[in-house]
Amino acid sequence: MARRLDEVIAGLPLRQQQEIEEQAARFIAEEKTLRDVRQAHALAQERMAAVLHN
């Protein structure tokens, strides 16, 4: 039977669990930053299109 990821992680030593949590937090923060950059880029493109079409 397949094990869920949280079950596998729960079986790891506490230090490894903490390292996984820390890395996950860094990945989430990076993803949010990239999403913000992409959103700002899209807004810039929309503004440029509006300027060019006027």
PDB file of N, CA and C in Angstrom:
ATOM      1  N   MET A   1       0.841  -1.184   0.000  1.00  0.00           N
ATOM      2  CA  MET A   1       0.000   0.000   0.000  1.00  0.00           C
ATOM      3  C   MET A   1       0.885   1.246   0.000  1.00  0.00           C
ATOM      4  N   ALA A   2       0.492   2.237  -0.736  1.00  0.00           N
ATOM      5  CA  ALA A   2       1.262   3.477  -0.847  1.00  0.00           C
ATOM      6  C   ALA A   2       1.155   4.289   0.443  1.00  0.00           C
ATOM      7  N   ARG A   3       2.263   4.961   0.763  1.00  0.00           N
ATOM      8  CA  ARG A   3       2.271   5.837   1.944  1.00  0.00           C
ATOM      9  C   ARG A   3       2.163   7.288   1.489  1.00  0.00           C
ATOM     10  N   ARG A   4       1.474   8.065   2.270  1.00  0.00           N
ATOM     11  CA  ARG A   4       1.352   9.491   1.961  1.00  0.00           C
ATOM     12  C   ARG A   4       2.640  10.205   2.359  1.00  0.00           C
ATOM     13  N   LEU A   5       2.882  11.330   1.724  1.00  0.00           N
ATOM     14  CA  LEU A   5       4.101  12.091   1.993  1.00  0.00           C
ATOM     15  C   LEU A   5       4.202  12.487   3.457  1.00  0.00           C
ATOM     16  N   ASP A   6       3.105  12.931   4.047  1.00  0.00           N
ATOM     17  CA  ASP A   6       3.164  13.339   5.454  1.00  0.00           C
ATOM     18  C   ASP A   6       3.516  12.167   6.367  1.00  0.00           C
ATOM     19  N   GLU A   7       3.155  10.952   5.967  1.00  0.00           N
ATOM     20  CA  GLU A   7       3.528   9.773   6.745  1.00  0.00           C
ATOM     21  C   GLU A   7       5.025   9.498   6.636  1.00  0.00           C
ATOM     22  N   VAL A   8       5.557   9.663   5.432  1.00  0.00           N
ATOM     23  CA  VAL A   8       6.991   9.466   5.232  1.00  0.00           C
ATOM     24  C   VAL A   8       7.772  10.498   6.035  1.00  0.00           C
ATOM     25  N   ILE A   9       7.355  11.748   5.959  1.00  0.00           N
ATOM     26  CA  ILE A   9       8.048  12.821   6.680  1.00  0.00           C
ATOM     27  C   ILE A   9       7.967  12.597   8.184  1.00  0.00           C
ATOM     28  N   ALA A  10       6.823  12.155   8.669  1.00  0.00           N
ATOM     29  CA  ALA A  10       6.655  11.903  10.108  1.00  0.00           C
ATOM     30  C   ALA A  10       7.609  10.820  10.598  1.00  0.00           C
ATOM     31  N   GLY A  11       8.029   9.928   9.715  1.00  0.00           N
ATOM     32  CA  GLY A  11       8.949   8.865  10.095  1.00  0.00           C
ATOM     33  C   GLY A  11      10.414   9.281  10.090  1.00  0.00           C
ATOM     34  N   LEU A  12      10.702  10.490   9.632  1.00  0.00           N
ATOM     35  CA  LEU A  12      12.074  10.985   9.587  1.00  0.00           C
ATOM     36  C   LEU A  12      12.486  11.551  10.942  1.00  0.00           C
ATOM     37  N   PRO A  13      13.798  11.642  11.185  1.00  0.00           N
ATOM     38  CA  PRO A  13      14.270  12.293  12.410  1.00  0.00           C
ATOM     39  C   PRO A  13      13.784  13.745  12.465  1.00  0.00           C
ATOM     40  N   LEU A  14      13.589  14.243  13.659  1.00  0.00           N
ATOM     41  CA  LEU A  14      13.047  15.589  13.861  1.00  0.00           C
ATOM     42  C   LEU A  14      13.847  16.648  13.115  1.00  0.00           C
ATOM     43  N   ARG A  15      15.175  16.551  13.125  1.00  0.00           N
ATOM     44  CA  ARG A  15      16.009  17.548  12.442  1.00  0.00           C
ATOM     45  C   ARG A  15      15.715  17.563  10.943  1.00  0.00           C
ATOM     46  N   GLN A  16      15.547  16.397  10.343  1.00  0.00           N
ATOM     47  CA  GLN A  16      15.224  16.343   8.917  1.00  0.00           C
ATOM     48  C   GLN A  16      13.840  16.932   8.654  1.00  0.00           C
ATOM     49  N   GLN A  17      12.901  16.681   9.547  1.00  0.00           N
ATOM     50  CA  GLN A  17      11.565  17.259   9.394  1.00  0.00           C
ATOM     51  C   GLN A  17      11.641  18.781   9.425  1.00  0.00           C
ATOM     52  N   GLN A  18      12.460  19.311  10.332  1.00  0.00           N
ATOM     53  CA  GLN A  18      12.623  20.762  10.433  1.00  0.00           C
ATOM     54  C   GLN A  18      13.261  21.332   9.162  1.00  0.00           C
ATOM     55  N   GLU A  19      14.267  20.631   8.630  1.00  0.00           N
ATOM     56  CA  GLU A  19      14.920  21.091   7.402  1.00  0.00           C
ATOM     57  C   GLU A  19      13.931  21.105   6.236  1.00  0.00           C
ATOM     58  N   ILE A  20      13.081  20.098   6.179  1.00  0.00           N
ATOM     59  CA  ILE A  20      12.064  20.041   5.120  1.00  0.00           C
ATOM     60  C   ILE A  20      11.096  21.208   5.264  1.00  0.00           C
ATOM     61  N   GLU A  21      10.666  21.489   6.470  1.00  0.00           N
ATOM     62  CA  GLU A  21       9.754  22.612   6.709  1.00  0.00           C
ATOM     63  C   GLU A  21      10.402  23.943   6.324  1.00  0.00           C
ATOM     64  N   GLU A  22      11.670  24.110   6.680  1.00  0.00           N
ATOM     65  CA  GLU A  22      12.377  25.353   6.354  1.00  0.00           C
ATOM     66  C   GLU A  22      12.519  25.520   4.835  1.00  0.00           C
ATOM     67  N   GLN A  23      12.873  24.445   4.162  1.00  0.00           N
ATOM     68  CA  GLN A  23      13.021  24.505   2.704  1.00  0.00           C
ATOM     69  C   GLN A  23      11.675  24.788   2.045  1.00  0.00           C
ATOM     70  N   ALA A  24      10.626  24.157   2.538  1.00  0.00           N
ATOM     71  CA  ALA A  24       9.288  24.395   1.985  1.00  0.00           C
ATOM     72  C   ALA A  24       8.907  25.864   2.150  1.00  0.00           C
ATOM     73  N   ALA A  25       9.222  26.440   3.309  1.00  0.00           N
ATOM     74  CA  ALA A  25       8.914  27.854   3.543  1.00  0.00           C
ATOM     75  C   ALA A  25       9.680  28.746   2.564  1.00  0.00           C
ATOM     76  N   ARG A  26      10.946  28.403   2.290  1.00  0.00           N
ATOM     77  CA  ARG A  26      11.731  29.189   1.319  1.00  0.00           C
ATOM     78  C   ARG A  26      11.135  29.072  -0.076  1.00  0.00           C
ATOM     79  N   PHE A  27      10.737  27.870  -0.471  1.00  0.00           N
ATOM     80  CA  PHE A  27      10.122  27.686  -1.783  1.00  0.00           C
ATOM     81  C   PHE A  27       8.829  28.479  -1.910  1.00  0.00           C
ATOM     82  N   ILE A  28       8.017  28.472  -0.872  1.00  0.00           N
ATOM     83  CA  ILE A  28       6.749  29.205  -0.901  1.00  0.00           C
ATOM     84  C   ILE A  28       7.011  30.700  -1.016  1.00  0.00           C
ATOM     85  N   ALA A  29       7.972  31.207  -0.254  1.00  0.00           N
ATOM     86  CA  ALA A  29       8.304  32.634  -0.325  1.00  0.00           C
ATOM     87  C   ALA A  29       8.813  33.003  -1.718  1.00  0.00           C
ATOM     88  N   GLU A  30       9.652  32.149  -2.291  1.00  0.00           N
ATOM     89  CA  GLU A  30      10.174  32.413  -3.626  1.00  0.00           C
ATOM     90  C   GLU A  30       9.058  32.400  -4.665  1.00  0.00           C
ATOM     91  N   GLU A  31       8.146  31.460  -4.537  1.00  0.00           N
ATOM     92  CA  GLU A  31       7.031  31.374  -5.485  1.00  0.00           C
ATOM     93  C   GLU A  31       6.171  32.623  -5.411  1.00  0.00           C
ATOM     94  N   LYS A  32       5.927  33.109  -4.193  1.00  0.00           N
ATOM     95  CA  LYS A  32       5.124  34.334  -4.037  1.00  0.00           C
ATOM     96  C   LYS A  32       5.839  35.525  -4.670  1.00  0.00           C
ATOM     97  N   THR A  33       7.148  35.584  -4.498  1.00  0.00           N
ATOM     98  CA  THR A  33       7.922  36.672  -5.091  1.00  0.00           C
ATOM     99  C   THR A  33       7.835  36.607  -6.613  1.00  0.00           C
ATOM    100  N   LEU A  34       7.999  35.420  -7.170  1.00  0.00           N
ATOM    101  CA  LEU A  34       7.914  35.274  -8.620  1.00  0.00           C
ATOM    102  C   LEU A  34       6.519  35.624  -9.125  1.00  0.00           C
ATOM    103  N   ARG A  35       5.500  35.261  -8.380  1.00  0.00           N
ATOM    104  CA  ARG A  35       4.132  35.594  -8.776  1.00  0.00           C
ATOM    105  C   ARG A  35       3.953  37.109  -8.798  1.00  0.00           C
ATOM    106  N   ASP A  36       4.520  37.794  -7.800  1.00  0.00           N
ATOM    107  CA  ASP A  36       4.427  39.253  -7.760  1.00  0.00           C
ATOM    108  C   ASP A  36       5.128  39.882  -8.958  1.00  0.00           C
ATOM    109  N   VAL A  37       6.292  39.349  -9.319  1.00  0.00           N
ATOM    110  CA  VAL A  37       7.029  39.870 -10.466  1.00  0.00           C
ATOM    111  C   VAL A  37       6.226  39.659 -11.746  1.00  0.00           C
ATOM    112  N   ARG A  38       5.661  38.466 -11.895  1.00  0.00           N
ATOM    113  CA  ARG A  38       4.868  38.187 -13.093  1.00  0.00           C
ATOM    114  C   ARG A  38       3.648  39.104 -13.171  1.00  0.00           C
ATOM    115  N   GLN A  39       3.021  39.331 -12.036  1.00  0.00           N
ATOM    116  CA  GLN A  39       1.845  40.198 -12.008  1.00  0.00           C
ATOM    117  C   GLN A  39       2.237  41.633 -12.363  1.00  0.00           C
ATOM    118  N   ALA A  40       3.349  42.110 -11.814  1.00  0.00           N
ATOM    119  CA  ALA A  40       3.820  43.455 -12.133  1.00  0.00           C
ATOM    120  C   ALA A  40       4.174  43.563 -13.609  1.00  0.00           C
ATOM    121  N   HIS A  41       4.770  42.530 -14.154  1.00  0.00           N
ATOM    122  CA  HIS A  41       5.129  42.515 -15.573  1.00  0.00           C
ATOM    123  C   HIS A  41       3.875  42.595 -16.436  1.00  0.00           C
ATOM    124  N   ALA A  42       2.847  41.850 -16.068  1.00  0.00           N
ATOM    125  CA  ALA A  42       1.590  41.881 -16.828  1.00  0.00           C
ATOM    126  C   ALA A  42       0.967  43.269 -16.781  1.00  0.00           C
ATOM    127  N   LEU A  43       1.017  43.896 -15.605  1.00  0.00           N
ATOM    128  CA  LEU A  43       0.467  45.250 -15.490  1.00  0.00           C
ATOM    129  C   LEU A  43       1.261  46.220 -16.360  1.00  0.00           C
ATOM    130  N   ALA A  44       2.565  46.062 -16.383  1.00  0.00           N
ATOM    131  CA  ALA A  44       3.400  46.940 -17.207  1.00  0.00           C
ATOM    132  C   ALA A  44       3.059  46.750 -18.685  1.00  0.00           C
ATOM    133  N   GLN A  45       2.833  45.519 -19.093  1.00  0.00           N
ATOM    134  CA  GLN A  45       2.468  45.260 -20.488  1.00  0.00           C
ATOM    135  C   GLN A  45       1.112  45.885 -20.819  1.00  0.00           C
ATOM    136  N   GLU A  46       0.167  45.789 -19.881  1.00  0.00           N
ATOM    137  CA  GLU A  46      -1.146  46.386 -20.105  1.00  0.00           C
ATOM    138  C   GLU A  46      -1.033  47.902 -20.245  1.00  0.00           C
ATOM    139  N   ARG A  47      -0.218  48.523 -19.405  1.00  0.00           N
ATOM    140  CA  ARG A  47      -0.040  49.979 -19.475  1.00  0.00           C
ATOM    141  C   ARG A  47       0.622  50.382 -20.784  1.00  0.00           C
ATOM    142  N   MET A  48       1.624  49.613 -21.195  1.00  0.00           N
ATOM    143  CA  MET A  48       2.311  49.916 -22.439  1.00  0.00           C
ATOM    144  C   MET A  48       1.344  49.778 -23.606  1.00  0.00           C
ATOM    145  N   ALA A  49       0.513  48.747 -23.604  1.00  0.00           N
ATOM    146  CA  ALA A  49      -0.461  48.562 -24.672  1.00  0.00           C
ATOM    147  C   ALA A  49      -1.437  49.724 -24.697  1.00  0.00           C
ATOM    148  N   ALA A  50      -1.864  50.192 -23.542  1.00  0.00           N
ATOM    149  CA  ALA A  50      -2.810  51.315 -23.487  1.00  0.00           C
ATOM    150  C   ALA A  50      -2.148  52.577 -24.049  1.00  0.00           C
ATOM    151  N   VAL A  51      -0.889  52.805 -23.743  1.00  0.00           N
ATOM    152  CA  VAL A  51      -0.186  53.989 -24.234  1.00  0.00           C
ATOM    153  C   VAL A  51      -0.033  53.895 -25.760  1.00  0.00           C
ATOM    154  N   LEU A  52       0.311  52.725 -26.256  1.00  0.00           N
ATOM    155  CA  LEU A  52       0.536  52.559 -27.681  1.00  0.00           C
ATOM    156  C   LEU A  52      -0.747  52.658 -28.490  1.00  0.00           C
ATOM    157  N   HIS A  53      -1.859  52.310 -27.906  1.00  0.00           N
ATOM    158  CA  HIS A  53      -3.130  52.306 -28.626  1.00  0.00           C
ATOM    159  C   HIS A  53      -3.876  53.629 -28.504  1.00  0.00           C
ATOM    160  N   ASN A  54      -3.335  54.559 -27.782  1.00  0.00           N
ATOM    161  CA  ASN A  54      -4.001  55.865 -27.658  1.00  0.00           C
ATOM    162  C   ASN A  54      -3.403  56.890 -28.573  1.00  0.00           C
TER     163      ASN A  54
END
